[in-house]
Amino acid sequence: MALNQLRGAAAITGVGQAGLGEAHGYTEMEILVQSAQLAVADAGLTMQDIDGIATASVSSTMWAMPVIEHLGIRPTFIDNTMVGGSSFVAHLMPAILALNSGQCNAVLVCYGSTQRTSTINRAEVGKARRKLDPQPYENPYQPLNPLSSYALAAARHMYQYGTTREQLAEVAVAARKWARLNPEAFMRDALTIDDVLNSRMVSDPLTVRDCCLVTDGAGAYVLVRADRARDMRHKPVYVLGNSTACWNRQISSMHDLTVTAAQQSGRIAFEMSGLKPADIDVLELYDAFTINTILFLEDLGFCKKGEGGSFVSGGAIAPGGRLPVNTNGGGLSCVHPGMYGIFILIEAVRQLRGNCGERQVANAQTAVVHGNGGTLSSQSTAILGTEAVL
């Protein structure tokens, strides 16, 4: 089956979030279940209707098993693929294939993490992760990862293209302006470019305000076949394109520190969707660091390589700018519990439904969601749209 035959073959019909910011004593599994229950109810279904599951966690290599047990489901399709923060965007294609083969009828994609309030020993967890993922060319030097890697990419972009610290700060300020319109966002106080530049340096050239939050949070969404979606509770949001790419695990293995595999995932997703960047109304990017937004704007084709800094200048991606980017406040100001990909997809669905209140983008019919995993490693792009663009 050709990819374009899967265009619009499945739709997201339910979304849910729980434990955003701080989980107030709940475990990561408990807030995951809460978000899953909300998403299933939002779709007008019961948990007994769910016969497909996709989930991932940094805390367990067999995470799907306890999730299935806690949800009380007996799925005929299971995807436990873990490619970092892009996982929940990457889960779309396997779920679409399973739905359209008849393997299952309703897929729940879910995630939960209490990275902020958990009492686990982070140092020991870090050691365990390095043992499982040794990265022999980097770990012996004990970099402050992921910060060191993203700072390296930012420094190279600045050197190669003349990108400035002020332009990086524009990304953080734009995200905060969106967050101030979002009652669910964790950080909503005012932020200026000077605030970003003068905040604590953590890995040159990135200050603490160039870096994502550390929060708790859980998210979930429900995916069904398009023919079923039309009869469900909410306006369906169709998956028009999706692709995942990975060219490297370590940033030291990148062929160019300013070019990511988003070039590949974005190209294939756009080809599948039949759309181009100029057709997109809302853009939700994985902004773990300010450099991410600039790199992905370039690699996805919203501007030329090296022009990302000038593209975001002057509030261009903030409320009232020419392109709405990260309308929930992003990982920089809304929520980031370790893996952020599911939250950008939920925000895109809400925007296309018209459910975003004060931050709603007028007449939004199309959205790009782009997830990132590892240190500019795995990249997954999804193009979403309403029935008007089918």
Protein backbone atom coordinates (compact mmCIF):
# COMPACT_ATOMS: atom_id res chain seq x y z
CA MET A 1 0.00 0.00 0.00
CA ALA A 2 1.38 3.41 -0.98
CA LEU A 3 1.75 6.00 1.77
CA ASN A 4 -0.66 8.43 0.12
CA GLN A 5 -3.36 5.76 0.34
CA LEU A 6 -3.12 6.08 4.13
CA ARG A 7 -3.65 9.85 3.98
CA GLY A 8 -6.64 10.57 6.22
CA ALA A 9 -7.26 6.86 6.84
CA ALA A 10 -7.24 7.38 10.61
CA ALA A 11 -8.27 10.18 12.94
CA ILE A 12 -7.65 11.26 16.51
CA THR A 13 -10.95 11.37 18.35
CA GLY A 14 -10.00 11.78 22.00
CA VAL A 15 -7.25 13.49 24.00
CA GLY A 16 -6.50 13.82 27.71
CA GLN A 17 -3.86 15.21 30.07
CA ALA A 18 -3.25 14.78 33.79
CA GLY A 19 -0.76 15.73 36.48
CA LEU A 20 0.69 18.64 34.52
CA GLY A 21 3.36 20.58 36.38
CA GLU A 22 3.30 18.64 39.64
CA ALA A 23 1.44 15.37 40.19
CA HIS A 24 0.78 16.07 43.91
CA GLY A 25 1.81 12.63 45.15
CA TYR A 26 0.49 10.51 42.30
CA THR A 27 2.87 8.11 40.59
CA GLU A 28 3.69 8.21 36.88
CA MET A 29 1.46 5.18 36.31
CA GLU A 30 -1.43 6.79 38.17
CA ILE A 31 -1.35 10.00 36.14
CA LEU A 32 -0.93 7.97 32.94
CA VAL A 33 -4.12 6.08 33.77
CA GLN A 34 -5.90 9.35 34.56
CA SER A 35 -4.93 10.85 31.20
CA ALA A 36 -5.90 7.63 29.41
CA GLN A 37 -9.31 7.59 31.05
CA LEU A 38 -9.86 11.22 30.05
CA ALA A 39 -8.84 10.56 26.44
CA VAL A 40 -11.06 7.49 26.11
CA ALA A 41 -14.03 9.33 27.61
CA ASP A 42 -13.31 12.32 25.35
CA ALA A 43 -13.62 9.95 22.39
CA GLY A 44 -16.97 8.73 23.68
CA LEU A 45 -15.61 5.23 24.31
CA THR A 46 -15.00 2.99 27.30
CA MET A 47 -11.76 1.26 28.18
CA GLN A 48 -13.32 -2.00 26.97
CA ASP A 49 -13.42 -0.49 23.46
CA ILE A 50 -9.62 -0.09 23.42
CA ASP A 51 -7.96 -3.01 21.64
CA GLY A 52 -4.69 -1.34 20.69
CA ILE A 53 -2.01 0.30 22.84
CA ALA A 54 1.17 2.25 22.16
CA THR A 55 3.31 3.54 25.00
CA ALA A 56 6.92 4.06 26.07
CA SER A 57 8.89 5.12 29.13
CA VAL A 58 12.49 5.83 30.05
CA SER A 59 11.97 3.97 33.34
CA SER A 60 11.09 0.54 31.92
CA THR A 61 11.97 -1.46 28.82
CA MET A 62 8.73 -3.46 29.20
CA TRP A 63 6.49 -0.51 30.03
CA ALA A 64 3.52 -1.67 27.94
CA MET A 65 2.97 -4.67 30.19
CA PRO A 66 2.18 -2.85 33.46
CA VAL A 67 0.26 -0.18 31.53
CA ILE A 68 -1.99 -2.84 30.01
CA GLU A 69 -2.48 -4.37 33.45
CA HIS A 70 -3.37 -1.06 35.08
CA LEU A 71 -5.79 -0.10 32.31
CA GLY A 72 -7.50 -3.49 32.44
CA ILE A 73 -7.43 -3.99 28.67
CA ARG A 74 -6.62 -6.97 26.42
CA PRO A 75 -5.19 -5.43 23.25
CA THR A 76 -4.67 -7.20 19.95
CA PHE A 77 -2.10 -4.58 18.91
CA ILE A 78 0.82 -3.54 21.14
CA ASP A 79 3.61 -1.07 20.32
CA ASN A 80 6.28 -0.47 22.98
CA THR A 81 8.75 1.25 20.61
CA MET A 82 11.01 3.68 22.45
CA VAL A 83 12.87 6.30 20.41
CA GLY A 84 12.92 9.06 23.00
CA GLY A 85 10.64 12.06 23.03
CA SER A 86 9.49 11.53 19.44
CA SER A 87 8.01 8.11 20.32
CA PHE A 88 4.40 9.27 20.62
CA VAL A 89 4.46 10.92 17.20
CA ALA A 90 6.25 7.87 15.76
CA HIS A 91 3.53 5.61 17.20
CA LEU A 92 1.05 7.04 14.71
CA MET A 93 2.12 5.05 11.65
CA PRO A 94 2.20 1.58 13.26
CA ALA A 95 -1.20 2.35 14.80
CA ILE A 96 -2.63 3.47 11.44
CA LEU A 97 -1.35 0.28 9.79
CA ALA A 98 -2.83 -1.87 12.56
CA LEU A 99 -6.20 -0.12 12.30
CA ASN A 100 -6.40 -0.38 8.54
CA SER A 101 -5.36 -4.04 8.51
CA GLY A 102 -8.23 -4.83 10.87
CA GLN A 103 -5.86 -5.92 13.63
CA CYS A 104 -7.61 -3.55 16.02
CA ASN A 105 -10.31 -0.85 16.10
CA ALA A 106 -9.22 1.76 18.64
CA VAL A 107 -5.63 2.53 19.63
CA LEU A 108 -4.72 4.35 22.84
CA VAL A 109 -1.35 6.12 22.84
CA CYS A 110 -0.31 7.18 26.35
CA TYR A 111 2.58 8.42 28.48
CA GLY A 112 3.19 9.49 32.07
CA SER A 113 6.16 10.75 34.04
CA THR A 114 6.73 12.33 37.45
CA GLN A 115 10.20 13.57 36.65
CA ARG A 116 9.77 16.65 38.86
CA THR A 117 8.35 15.17 42.05
CA SER A 118 9.60 11.57 41.96
CA THR A 119 11.71 10.49 44.92
CA ILE A 120 13.91 8.13 42.89
CA ASN A 121 17.67 8.60 43.03
CA ARG A 122 18.41 10.50 39.82
CA ALA A 123 22.13 9.82 39.98
CA GLU A 124 21.53 6.07 40.10
CA VAL A 125 18.99 6.29 37.28
CA GLY A 126 21.54 8.19 35.22
CA LYS A 127 24.14 5.49 35.78
CA ALA A 128 21.67 2.77 34.77
CA ARG A 129 20.75 4.61 31.57
CA ARG A 130 24.40 5.08 30.62
CA LYS A 131 24.94 1.35 31.10
CA LEU A 132 22.00 0.51 28.83
CA ASP A 133 22.94 3.21 26.30
CA PRO A 134 26.76 3.42 26.58
CA GLN A 135 27.48 5.93 23.75
CA PRO A 136 31.19 5.00 23.80
CA TYR A 137 32.40 8.13 22.02
CA GLU A 138 30.81 10.58 24.48
CA ASN A 139 30.03 9.09 27.89
CA PRO A 140 33.70 8.57 28.85
CA TYR A 141 34.05 12.38 28.83
CA GLN A 142 30.99 12.78 31.09
CA PRO A 143 29.21 15.55 29.18
CA LEU A 144 26.32 17.33 30.85
CA ASN A 145 23.87 15.66 28.50
CA PRO A 146 21.51 16.43 26.99
CA LEU A 147 22.51 20.06 27.65
CA SER A 148 26.06 19.75 26.30
CA SER A 149 24.90 18.28 23.01
CA TYR A 150 22.27 20.91 22.30
CA ALA A 151 24.66 23.67 23.34
CA LEU A 152 27.15 22.28 20.83
CA ALA A 153 24.52 22.45 18.05
CA ALA A 154 23.58 26.00 19.08
CA ALA A 155 27.22 27.14 19.11
CA ARG A 156 27.80 25.65 15.66
CA HIS A 157 24.67 27.33 14.24
CA MET A 158 25.81 30.66 15.66
CA TYR A 159 29.29 30.22 14.18
CA GLN A 160 28.16 28.95 10.79
CA TYR A 161 25.15 31.21 10.14
CA GLY A 162 25.57 34.20 12.44
CA THR A 163 22.63 33.25 14.63
CA THR A 164 22.63 35.41 17.77
CA ARG A 165 21.88 34.83 21.43
CA GLU A 166 19.02 37.33 21.07
CA GLN A 167 17.47 35.21 18.32
CA LEU A 168 17.63 32.10 20.49
CA ALA A 169 16.03 34.12 23.28
CA GLU A 170 13.19 35.10 20.91
CA VAL A 171 12.15 31.43 20.90
CA ALA A 172 11.88 31.31 24.69
CA VAL A 173 10.03 34.64 24.87
CA ALA A 174 7.53 33.56 22.20
CA ALA A 175 6.86 30.30 24.05
CA ARG A 176 6.26 32.21 27.28
CA LYS A 177 3.80 34.58 25.58
CA TRP A 178 1.78 31.57 24.42
CA ALA A 179 2.03 30.02 27.89
CA ARG A 180 0.55 33.16 29.44
CA LEU A 181 -2.59 32.44 27.43
CA ASN A 182 -2.72 28.82 28.61
CA PRO A 183 -4.08 28.17 32.12
CA GLU A 184 -2.46 24.70 32.13
CA ALA A 185 1.06 26.04 31.52
CA PHE A 186 3.56 25.61 34.36
CA MET A 187 5.38 28.95 33.90
CA ARG A 188 3.20 31.95 33.05
CA ASP A 189 5.06 34.98 34.43
CA ALA A 190 6.42 37.58 32.00
CA LEU A 191 9.72 36.88 30.25
CA THR A 192 11.85 39.26 28.18
CA ILE A 193 14.85 38.73 25.93
CA ASP A 194 17.06 40.37 28.57
CA ASP A 195 15.66 37.94 31.17
CA VAL A 196 16.74 35.02 28.99
CA LEU A 197 20.19 36.46 28.27
CA ASN A 198 20.86 37.35 31.91
CA SER A 199 19.61 34.11 33.45
CA ARG A 200 21.99 31.50 34.81
CA MET A 201 24.32 29.97 32.23
CA VAL A 202 24.05 26.18 32.20
CA SER A 203 25.96 25.14 29.07
CA ASP A 204 27.39 27.92 26.94
CA PRO A 205 25.68 29.43 24.95
CA LEU A 206 22.45 28.18 26.60
CA THR A 207 21.12 29.74 29.79
CA VAL A 208 18.52 28.12 32.01
CA ARG A 209 15.74 29.92 30.11
CA ASP A 210 16.98 28.39 26.84
CA CYS A 211 16.25 24.99 28.37
CA CYS A 212 13.03 23.06 28.85
CA LEU A 213 11.18 22.74 32.11
CA VAL A 214 11.41 19.76 34.44
CA THR A 215 7.79 18.91 35.27
CA ASP A 216 5.43 16.02 35.83
CA GLY A 217 2.77 15.22 33.29
CA ALA A 218 0.77 12.58 31.45
CA GLY A 219 -0.97 12.63 28.10
CA ALA A 220 -3.01 10.29 25.93
CA TYR A 221 -4.86 10.22 22.64
CA VAL A 222 -7.20 7.78 20.87
CA LEU A 223 -6.88 6.90 17.20
CA VAL A 224 -9.58 5.14 15.13
CA ARG A 225 -10.30 4.50 11.45
CA ALA A 226 -11.67 7.46 9.54
CA ASP A 227 -15.03 5.83 8.75
CA ARG A 228 -15.69 5.35 12.45
CA ALA A 229 -14.36 8.77 13.45
CA ARG A 230 -17.12 10.64 11.63
CA ASP A 231 -19.74 9.25 14.01
CA MET A 232 -17.92 10.00 17.25
CA ARG A 233 -18.32 12.75 19.82
CA HIS A 234 -15.91 15.40 18.55
CA LYS A 235 -14.83 16.76 15.19
CA PRO A 236 -12.18 14.27 13.98
CA VAL A 237 -8.60 15.36 13.43
CA TYR A 238 -7.20 13.32 10.56
CA VAL A 239 -3.62 12.13 10.18
CA LEU A 240 -2.64 13.31 6.70
CA GLY A 241 1.04 12.39 6.88
CA ASN A 242 3.55 10.79 9.23
CA SER A 243 7.17 9.71 9.00
CA THR A 244 10.00 8.92 11.39
CA ALA A 245 13.73 9.16 10.69
CA CYS A 246 16.97 8.63 12.61
CA TRP A 247 20.49 9.23 11.31
CA ASN A 248 22.49 9.06 14.53
CA ARG A 249 22.31 8.29 18.23
CA GLN A 250 25.09 10.53 19.49
CA ILE A 251 25.45 14.14 18.48
CA SER A 252 29.15 13.47 17.87
CA SER A 253 28.03 11.17 15.03
CA MET A 254 26.01 13.84 13.22
CA HIS A 255 27.35 14.62 9.75
CA ASP A 256 26.41 18.28 10.30
CA LEU A 257 25.49 19.72 13.70
CA THR A 258 22.99 22.07 12.05
CA VAL A 259 21.08 19.47 9.99
CA THR A 260 18.78 16.86 11.54
CA ALA A 261 16.85 13.86 10.26
CA ALA A 262 13.77 16.11 10.35
CA GLN A 263 14.69 16.89 6.75
CA GLN A 264 13.82 13.30 5.87
CA SER A 265 10.80 12.78 8.14
CA GLY A 266 9.37 16.15 7.15
CA ARG A 267 9.79 15.59 3.42
CA ILE A 268 8.06 12.19 3.52
CA ALA A 269 5.25 13.41 5.79
CA PHE A 270 4.57 16.41 3.56
CA GLU A 271 4.63 14.22 0.44
CA MET A 272 2.13 11.83 2.02
CA SER A 273 -0.14 14.71 3.06
CA GLY A 274 -0.09 16.47 -0.30
CA LEU A 275 0.54 19.73 1.56
CA LYS A 276 3.52 22.05 1.82
CA PRO A 277 4.78 24.34 4.62
CA ALA A 278 2.87 27.33 3.22
CA ASP A 279 -0.39 25.39 3.77
CA ILE A 280 0.16 24.96 7.52
CA ASP A 281 -1.81 27.03 10.03
CA VAL A 282 -0.27 25.84 13.32
CA LEU A 283 3.18 24.43 14.08
CA GLU A 284 3.93 22.41 17.22
CA LEU A 285 7.66 21.64 17.61
CA TYR A 286 9.60 19.73 20.24
CA ASP A 287 11.38 22.66 21.88
CA ALA A 288 13.50 21.02 24.55
CA PHE A 289 15.98 23.85 23.88
CA THR A 290 15.66 27.11 21.97
CA ILE A 291 17.97 25.86 19.21
CA ASN A 292 15.50 23.04 18.46
CA THR A 293 12.83 25.40 17.19
CA ILE A 294 15.26 27.16 14.87
CA LEU A 295 16.68 23.89 13.50
CA PHE A 296 13.27 22.34 12.89
CA LEU A 297 11.83 25.44 11.22
CA GLU A 298 14.70 25.11 8.76
CA ASP A 299 14.71 21.34 8.33
CA LEU A 300 10.94 21.13 7.85
CA GLY A 301 11.07 23.77 5.13
CA PHE A 302 9.50 26.79 6.81
CA CYS A 303 12.65 28.77 6.05
CA LYS A 304 16.01 28.13 4.42
CA LYS A 305 18.92 26.56 6.28
CA GLY A 306 20.70 29.21 8.31
CA GLU A 307 17.74 31.62 8.29
CA GLY A 308 15.94 30.26 11.35
CA GLY A 309 17.32 32.96 13.63
CA SER A 310 16.07 35.81 11.48
CA PHE A 311 12.79 33.94 10.88
CA VAL A 312 11.87 33.98 14.59
CA SER A 313 12.97 37.57 15.21
CA GLY A 314 10.54 40.33 16.06
CA GLY A 315 7.94 38.08 17.65
CA ALA A 316 7.27 36.22 14.39
CA ILE A 317 6.32 32.95 16.15
CA ALA A 318 4.64 34.55 19.18
CA PRO A 319 0.92 35.38 19.48
CA GLY A 320 0.10 37.84 16.71
CA GLY A 321 3.14 36.80 14.64
CA ARG A 322 3.15 35.41 11.13
CA LEU A 323 3.34 31.73 12.18
CA PRO A 324 1.85 30.34 15.41
CA VAL A 325 4.51 28.03 16.91
CA ASN A 326 4.16 26.03 20.14
CA THR A 327 0.82 27.51 21.08
CA ASN A 328 0.57 25.78 24.46
CA GLY A 329 3.85 27.34 25.64
CA GLY A 330 5.99 24.43 24.55
CA GLY A 331 8.45 22.42 26.57
CA LEU A 332 10.09 25.73 27.47
CA SER A 333 7.11 27.10 29.41
CA CYS A 334 4.15 24.67 29.47
CA VAL A 335 5.18 21.12 30.34
CA HIS A 336 8.17 18.82 29.87
CA PRO A 337 8.22 15.63 31.97
CA GLY A 338 11.16 14.01 30.19
CA MET A 339 9.50 13.11 26.89
CA TYR A 340 7.35 15.87 25.41
CA GLY A 341 6.11 14.51 22.07
CA ILE A 342 2.61 13.52 23.15
CA PHE A 343 1.80 17.01 24.44
CA ILE A 344 2.49 18.75 21.13
CA LEU A 345 0.16 16.32 19.40
CA ILE A 346 -2.57 16.95 21.97
CA GLU A 347 -2.17 20.71 21.52
CA ALA A 348 -2.43 20.40 17.74
CA VAL A 349 -5.64 18.38 18.07
CA ARG A 350 -7.13 20.96 20.41
CA GLN A 351 -6.21 23.77 18.03
CA LEU A 352 -7.83 22.02 15.06
CA ARG A 353 -10.93 21.35 17.14
CA GLY A 354 -11.07 25.03 18.10
CA ASN A 355 -10.86 24.25 21.84
CA CYS A 356 -7.96 26.46 22.91
CA GLY A 357 -9.75 29.48 24.30
CA GLU A 358 -7.66 32.63 24.52
CA ARG A 359 -4.74 31.10 22.61
CA GLN A 360 -6.88 29.68 19.79
CA VAL A 361 -5.50 30.24 16.29
CA ALA A 362 -8.37 31.54 14.15
CA ASN A 363 -9.66 29.15 11.47
CA ALA A 364 -6.91 26.57 12.05
CA GLN A 365 -7.41 23.65 9.65
CA THR A 366 -3.89 22.19 9.35
CA ALA A 367 -1.08 21.53 11.80
CA VAL A 368 2.45 20.16 11.80
CA VAL A 369 3.59 18.22 14.86
CA HIS A 370 7.28 17.42 15.09
CA GLY A 371 8.85 15.23 17.76
CA ASN A 372 12.53 14.89 18.65
CA GLY A 373 14.25 12.14 20.61
CA GLY A 374 17.69 11.74 22.14
CA THR A 375 20.23 14.42 21.27
CA LEU A 376 18.87 15.54 17.90
CA SER A 377 18.58 11.83 17.13
CA SER A 378 15.14 10.40 16.26
CA GLN A 379 12.77 12.74 14.43
CA SER A 380 9.07 12.18 13.73
CA THR A 381 6.78 14.49 11.77
CA ALA A 382 2.99 14.37 11.58
CA ILE A 383 0.68 16.47 9.42
CA LEU A 384 -2.84 16.79 10.84
CA GLY A 385 -5.94 18.32 9.35
CA THR A 386 -9.67 18.76 9.70
CA GLU A 387 -12.29 17.34 7.35
CA ALA A 388 -12.05 20.56 5.31
CA VAL A 389 -8.62 19.55 3.97
CA LEU A 390 -9.25 15.87 3.32
